[in-house]
N, C-alpha and C. Protein backbone atom coordinates (compact mmCIF):
# COMPACT_ATOMS: atom_id res chain seq x y z
N MET A 1 -1.04 160.18 -104.25
CA MET A 1 -0.29 160.04 -104.84
C MET A 1 -0.49 161.39 -106.41
N ARG A 2 0.47 161.91 -106.60
CA ARG A 2 0.17 163.09 -107.70
C ARG A 2 0.88 162.44 -108.81
N ALA A 3 0.58 163.24 -109.92
CA ALA A 3 0.92 162.98 -111.24
C ALA A 3 2.08 164.10 -111.22
N TYR A 4 3.32 163.86 -111.20
CA TYR A 4 4.67 164.93 -111.44
C TYR A 4 5.74 163.88 -112.65
N ILE A 5 6.67 165.22 -112.77
CA ILE A 5 7.66 164.58 -113.30
C ILE A 5 8.77 165.72 -112.69
N ILE A 6 9.95 164.89 -112.58
CA ILE A 6 10.88 165.76 -111.63
C ILE A 6 12.46 165.60 -112.69
N ALA A 7 13.07 166.23 -113.24
CA ALA A 7 14.79 165.58 -113.52
C ALA A 7 15.54 166.64 -112.78
N TYR A 8 16.33 165.90 -112.25
CA TYR A 8 18.24 166.68 -111.52
C TYR A 8 19.02 166.63 -112.26
N VAL A 9 19.77 167.31 -111.99
CA VAL A 9 21.22 166.70 -112.45
C VAL A 9 21.76 167.36 -111.21
N ARG A 10 22.99 166.35 -110.61
CA ARG A 10 23.52 167.24 -109.49
C ARG A 10 24.55 167.11 -109.79
N GLU A 11 25.43 168.32 -110.10
CA GLU A 11 27.20 168.45 -110.99
C GLU A 11 28.10 167.84 -109.64
N SER A 12 29.10 167.26 -110.79
CA SER A 12 29.99 166.56 -109.68
C SER A 12 31.43 167.32 -109.10
N GLY A 13 31.06 169.06 -109.46
CA GLY A 13 31.71 169.68 -108.58
C GLY A 13 33.22 169.45 -108.74
N GLU A 14 33.65 170.41 -108.25
CA GLU A 14 35.63 169.97 -108.51
C GLU A 14 36.02 169.26 -107.60
N GLY A 15 36.85 168.27 -107.68
CA GLY A 15 37.57 167.16 -107.24
C GLY A 15 36.64 165.94 -107.29
N ASN A 16 35.21 165.94 -107.94
CA ASN A 16 34.61 164.55 -107.56
C ASN A 16 34.18 164.40 -108.91
N ASN A 17 34.30 162.88 -109.19
CA ASN A 17 34.43 162.11 -110.63
C ASN A 17 32.87 161.32 -110.95
N TYR A 18 31.79 161.65 -110.13
CA TYR A 18 30.37 161.54 -110.60
C TYR A 18 29.55 162.81 -110.66
N THR A 19 28.75 162.39 -111.80
CA THR A 19 27.51 163.24 -111.88
C THR A 19 26.24 162.09 -111.31
N ASP A 20 25.45 163.02 -110.73
CA ASP A 20 24.25 162.41 -110.20
C ASP A 20 22.99 162.82 -111.03
N ILE A 21 22.50 162.25 -112.07
CA ILE A 21 21.53 162.65 -113.03
C ILE A 21 20.37 161.71 -113.04
N GLN A 22 19.28 161.83 -112.40
CA GLN A 22 18.03 161.36 -112.19
C GLN A 22 16.97 161.80 -112.63
N LEU A 23 15.59 160.67 -113.34
CA LEU A 23 14.34 161.53 -113.92
C LEU A 23 13.37 160.61 -113.23
N GLU A 24 12.40 161.38 -112.55
CA GLU A 24 11.27 160.76 -111.88
C GLU A 24 9.90 161.07 -112.42
N ILE A 25 9.28 160.07 -112.36
CA ILE A 25 8.01 160.33 -113.60
C ILE A 25 6.81 159.48 -112.47
N ALA A 26 6.20 159.95 -112.01
CA ALA A 26 4.87 159.62 -111.75
C ALA A 26 3.30 159.84 -112.32
N ASP A 27 2.47 158.69 -111.71
CA ASP A 27 1.12 159.13 -112.34
C ASP A 27 0.58 159.21 -111.15
N CYS A 28 -1.25 158.49 -110.76
CA CYS A 28 -1.70 158.72 -109.82
C CYS A 28 -1.39 157.80 -108.73
N SER A 29 -1.01 156.70 -109.13
CA SER A 29 -0.53 155.63 -108.55
C SER A 29 0.46 154.62 -108.70
N ARG A 30 1.15 154.99 -109.68
CA ARG A 30 3.07 154.44 -109.77
C ARG A 30 3.89 155.65 -109.93
N GLN A 31 5.51 155.46 -109.99
CA GLN A 31 6.16 156.21 -109.60
C GLN A 31 7.70 155.23 -110.44
N ILE A 32 8.56 155.78 -111.47
CA ILE A 32 9.53 155.46 -111.89
C ILE A 32 10.41 156.39 -111.43
N ASN A 33 11.92 155.82 -110.98
CA ASN A 33 13.19 156.22 -111.64
C ASN A 33 14.58 156.41 -111.86
N LEU A 34 14.61 156.54 -113.43
CA LEU A 34 15.74 156.39 -114.52
C LEU A 34 17.07 157.08 -114.05
N ASP A 35 17.84 156.34 -113.88
CA ASP A 35 18.86 157.28 -114.07
C ASP A 35 20.06 157.14 -114.62
N PHE A 36 20.75 158.21 -114.96
CA PHE A 36 21.42 158.33 -116.37
C PHE A 36 22.76 158.44 -115.61
N ASP A 37 23.29 158.27 -114.13
CA ASP A 37 24.45 158.66 -113.56
C ASP A 37 25.87 158.37 -114.31
N PHE A 38 27.04 158.96 -114.27
CA PHE A 38 28.51 158.54 -114.52
C PHE A 38 28.96 158.53 -114.02
N ASP A 39 30.47 158.12 -114.23
CA ASP A 39 31.79 158.38 -113.52
C ASP A 39 32.69 158.98 -114.62
N ASN A 40 33.96 159.80 -114.28
CA ASN A 40 34.69 160.69 -115.11
C ASN A 40 35.31 159.24 -115.76
N ASP A 41 34.71 158.55 -116.60
CA ASP A 41 35.80 157.58 -117.29
C ASP A 41 34.44 157.49 -118.47
N THR A 42 35.34 157.01 -119.92
CA THR A 42 34.77 156.70 -121.11
C THR A 42 34.27 156.16 -121.20
N GLN A 43 34.27 154.95 -120.62
CA GLN A 43 33.00 153.62 -120.69
C GLN A 43 31.76 154.34 -120.11
N SER A 44 32.12 155.11 -118.57
CA SER A 44 30.84 155.18 -118.03
C SER A 44 29.69 156.13 -118.84
N ILE A 45 30.86 157.13 -119.55
CA ILE A 45 30.35 158.33 -120.25
C ILE A 45 29.31 157.88 -122.07
N LYS A 46 30.19 157.01 -122.41
CA LYS A 46 29.81 156.41 -123.47
C LYS A 46 28.20 155.71 -123.08
N ARG A 47 28.06 154.96 -122.05
CA ARG A 47 26.98 153.99 -121.92
C ARG A 47 26.00 155.54 -121.22
N ALA A 48 26.07 156.15 -120.48
CA ALA A 48 25.09 157.30 -120.21
C ALA A 48 24.58 157.86 -121.51
N GLU A 49 25.23 158.18 -122.43
CA GLU A 49 25.33 158.81 -123.56
C GLU A 49 23.91 157.82 -124.28
N LYS A 50 24.29 156.56 -124.81
CA LYS A 50 23.69 155.62 -125.11
C LYS A 50 21.99 155.02 -124.95
N LYS A 51 21.89 155.30 -123.28
CA LYS A 51 21.17 155.57 -122.87
C LYS A 51 20.41 156.54 -123.00
N LEU A 52 20.77 157.81 -123.09
CA LEU A 52 20.20 159.00 -122.84
C LEU A 52 19.17 159.03 -124.51
N ASN A 53 20.61 158.97 -125.71
CA ASN A 53 19.80 158.61 -126.91
C ASN A 53 18.36 157.52 -127.08
N LEU A 54 18.75 156.76 -126.73
CA LEU A 54 17.70 155.48 -126.72
C LEU A 54 16.75 155.89 -126.09
N PHE A 55 16.75 156.73 -124.54
CA PHE A 55 15.22 157.29 -124.39
C PHE A 55 14.82 158.35 -124.94
N ARG A 56 15.80 158.99 -125.50
CA ARG A 56 14.96 160.27 -126.52
C ARG A 56 14.45 159.91 -127.50
N THR A 57 14.48 158.41 -128.29
CA THR A 57 14.51 158.40 -129.31
C THR A 57 12.90 157.30 -128.96
N ILE A 58 12.96 156.68 -127.79
CA ILE A 58 11.77 155.83 -127.73
C ILE A 58 10.44 156.99 -127.06
N ILE A 59 10.93 158.09 -126.40
CA ILE A 59 10.34 159.02 -125.66
C ILE A 59 9.61 159.85 -127.23
N ASN A 60 10.36 160.27 -128.16
CA ASN A 60 10.14 160.73 -129.07
C ASN A 60 8.86 160.05 -130.18
N GLU A 61 8.92 158.91 -130.41
CA GLU A 61 8.05 157.90 -131.01
C GLU A 61 6.97 157.99 -130.63
N PHE A 62 7.14 157.92 -128.72
CA PHE A 62 5.50 157.23 -127.71
C PHE A 62 4.88 158.32 -128.30
N ALA A 63 5.69 159.73 -128.33
CA ALA A 63 4.71 161.08 -128.09
C ALA A 63 4.14 161.46 -129.34
N ASP A 64 5.24 160.91 -130.62
CA ASP A 64 4.52 160.98 -132.42
C ASP A 64 3.16 159.92 -132.10
N ALA A 65 3.03 158.98 -131.26
CA ALA A 65 2.50 157.74 -132.06
C ALA A 65 0.74 158.49 -130.82
N VAL A 66 0.58 158.62 -129.66
CA VAL A 66 -0.06 159.25 -128.75
C VAL A 66 -0.78 160.42 -129.34
N GLN A 67 0.23 161.39 -129.93
CA GLN A 67 -0.83 162.52 -130.85
C GLN A 67 -1.22 161.90 -132.16
N GLU A 68 -1.04 161.27 -133.35
CA GLU A 68 -1.77 160.44 -133.57
C GLU A 68 -2.85 159.93 -133.22
N GLU A 69 -2.84 159.47 -132.00
CA GLU A 69 -4.35 158.58 -131.91
C GLU A 69 -5.09 160.15 -131.27
N LEU A 70 -4.41 161.11 -130.75
CA LEU A 70 -5.15 162.09 -130.50
C LEU A 70 -6.12 162.94 -131.60
N ASP A 71 -5.21 163.31 -132.55
CA ASP A 71 -5.92 163.78 -133.73
C ASP A 71 -6.57 162.98 -134.55
N TYR A 72 -6.68 161.72 -134.52
CA TYR A 72 -7.95 160.67 -134.81
C TYR A 72 -8.85 161.16 -134.35
N TYR A 73 -8.89 160.92 -132.39
CA TYR A 73 -10.31 161.21 -131.95
C TYR A 73 -11.08 162.51 -132.54
N LYS A 74 -10.07 163.53 -132.36
CA LYS A 74 -9.90 165.18 -132.58
C LYS A 74 -11.45 164.78 -133.81
N THR A 75 -10.37 164.33 -134.85
CA THR A 75 -12.17 164.31 -136.47
C THR A 75 -12.79 163.01 -136.28
N LYS A 76 -12.03 162.30 -135.53
CA LYS A 76 -13.57 160.64 -135.72
C LYS A 76 -14.89 161.64 -135.81
N PRO A 77 -15.99 161.11 -135.84
CA PRO A 77 -17.16 161.44 -136.08
C PRO A 77 -17.38 160.67 -134.47
N LYS A 78 -18.16 161.21 -134.29
CA LYS A 78 -18.95 160.99 -132.99
C LYS A 78 -20.68 160.14 -133.03
N ILE A 79 -20.32 158.55 -132.18
CA ILE A 79 -21.28 158.21 -132.51
C ILE A 79 -22.04 157.87 -131.24
N LYS A 80 -23.03 157.81 -131.23
CA LYS A 80 -24.35 157.82 -129.84
C LYS A 80 -24.27 156.45 -129.83
N LYS A 81 -23.85 156.25 -128.33
CA LYS A 81 -24.18 154.83 -128.12
C LYS A 81 -25.18 154.69 -127.56
N LYS A 82 -25.88 153.38 -127.80
CA LYS A 82 -27.00 152.80 -127.51
C LYS A 82 -26.75 152.43 -125.90
N LYS A 83 -27.86 152.79 -125.55
CA LYS A 83 -28.43 152.32 -123.96
C LYS A 83 -29.11 150.73 -123.79
N PHE A 84 -28.45 149.89 -123.43
CA PHE A 84 -29.20 148.64 -123.45
C PHE A 84 -30.19 148.26 -121.48
N ARG A 85 -31.19 147.89 -121.93
CA ARG A 85 -31.48 147.56 -120.50
C ARG A 85 -31.26 146.26 -120.25
N ARG A 86 -30.67 145.71 -119.40
CA ARG A 86 -30.66 144.08 -118.71
C ARG A 86 -32.20 143.84 -118.44
N PRO A 87 -32.36 142.45 -118.92
CA PRO A 87 -33.45 141.78 -118.08
C PRO A 87 -33.35 141.72 -116.97
N GLU A 88 -33.98 141.93 -116.11
CA GLU A 88 -34.42 142.03 -114.75
C GLU A 88 -34.50 140.34 -114.29
N GLU A 89 -34.62 139.57 -115.32
CA GLU A 89 -35.29 137.97 -114.92
C GLU A 89 -35.06 137.34 -116.10
N VAL A 90 -34.09 136.00 -115.92
CA VAL A 90 -33.94 135.31 -117.11
C VAL A 90 -34.68 133.98 -116.87
N GLU A 91 -35.33 133.46 -117.75
CA GLU A 91 -36.01 132.21 -117.82
C GLU A 91 -35.31 131.38 -118.41
N ILE A 92 -34.95 130.18 -117.31
CA ILE A 92 -34.34 129.14 -118.31
C ILE A 92 -35.26 128.01 -118.99
N VAL A 93 -35.51 127.89 -119.71
CA VAL A 93 -36.38 126.38 -120.24
C VAL A 93 -35.65 125.42 -120.84
N ASP A 94 -35.93 124.31 -120.21
CA ASP A 94 -35.94 122.78 -121.30
C ASP A 94 -36.02 122.46 -122.05
N ILE A 95 -34.95 122.46 -123.19
CA ILE A 95 -35.14 121.91 -124.22
C ILE A 95 -35.55 120.30 -124.58
């Protein structure tokens, strides 16, 4: 499976009161679909708008937090990791 993001809006067109809106996000092993569908009524439109605004807020906060971490690691001094050898045999001694 590949990593990708697909977003689409299928407009209702004339005579149809339904709009199909989806966002599909996948990484190499998982996939999620988010629906923002709504009918042509006030309550449905308000719910879709509220969901969209919440999603926008959370995604922006997430992106800002990830960028902070990336910036931190770009400037963080590199520390050499020590390599430890494991003893091949451990002797157990009764005390």
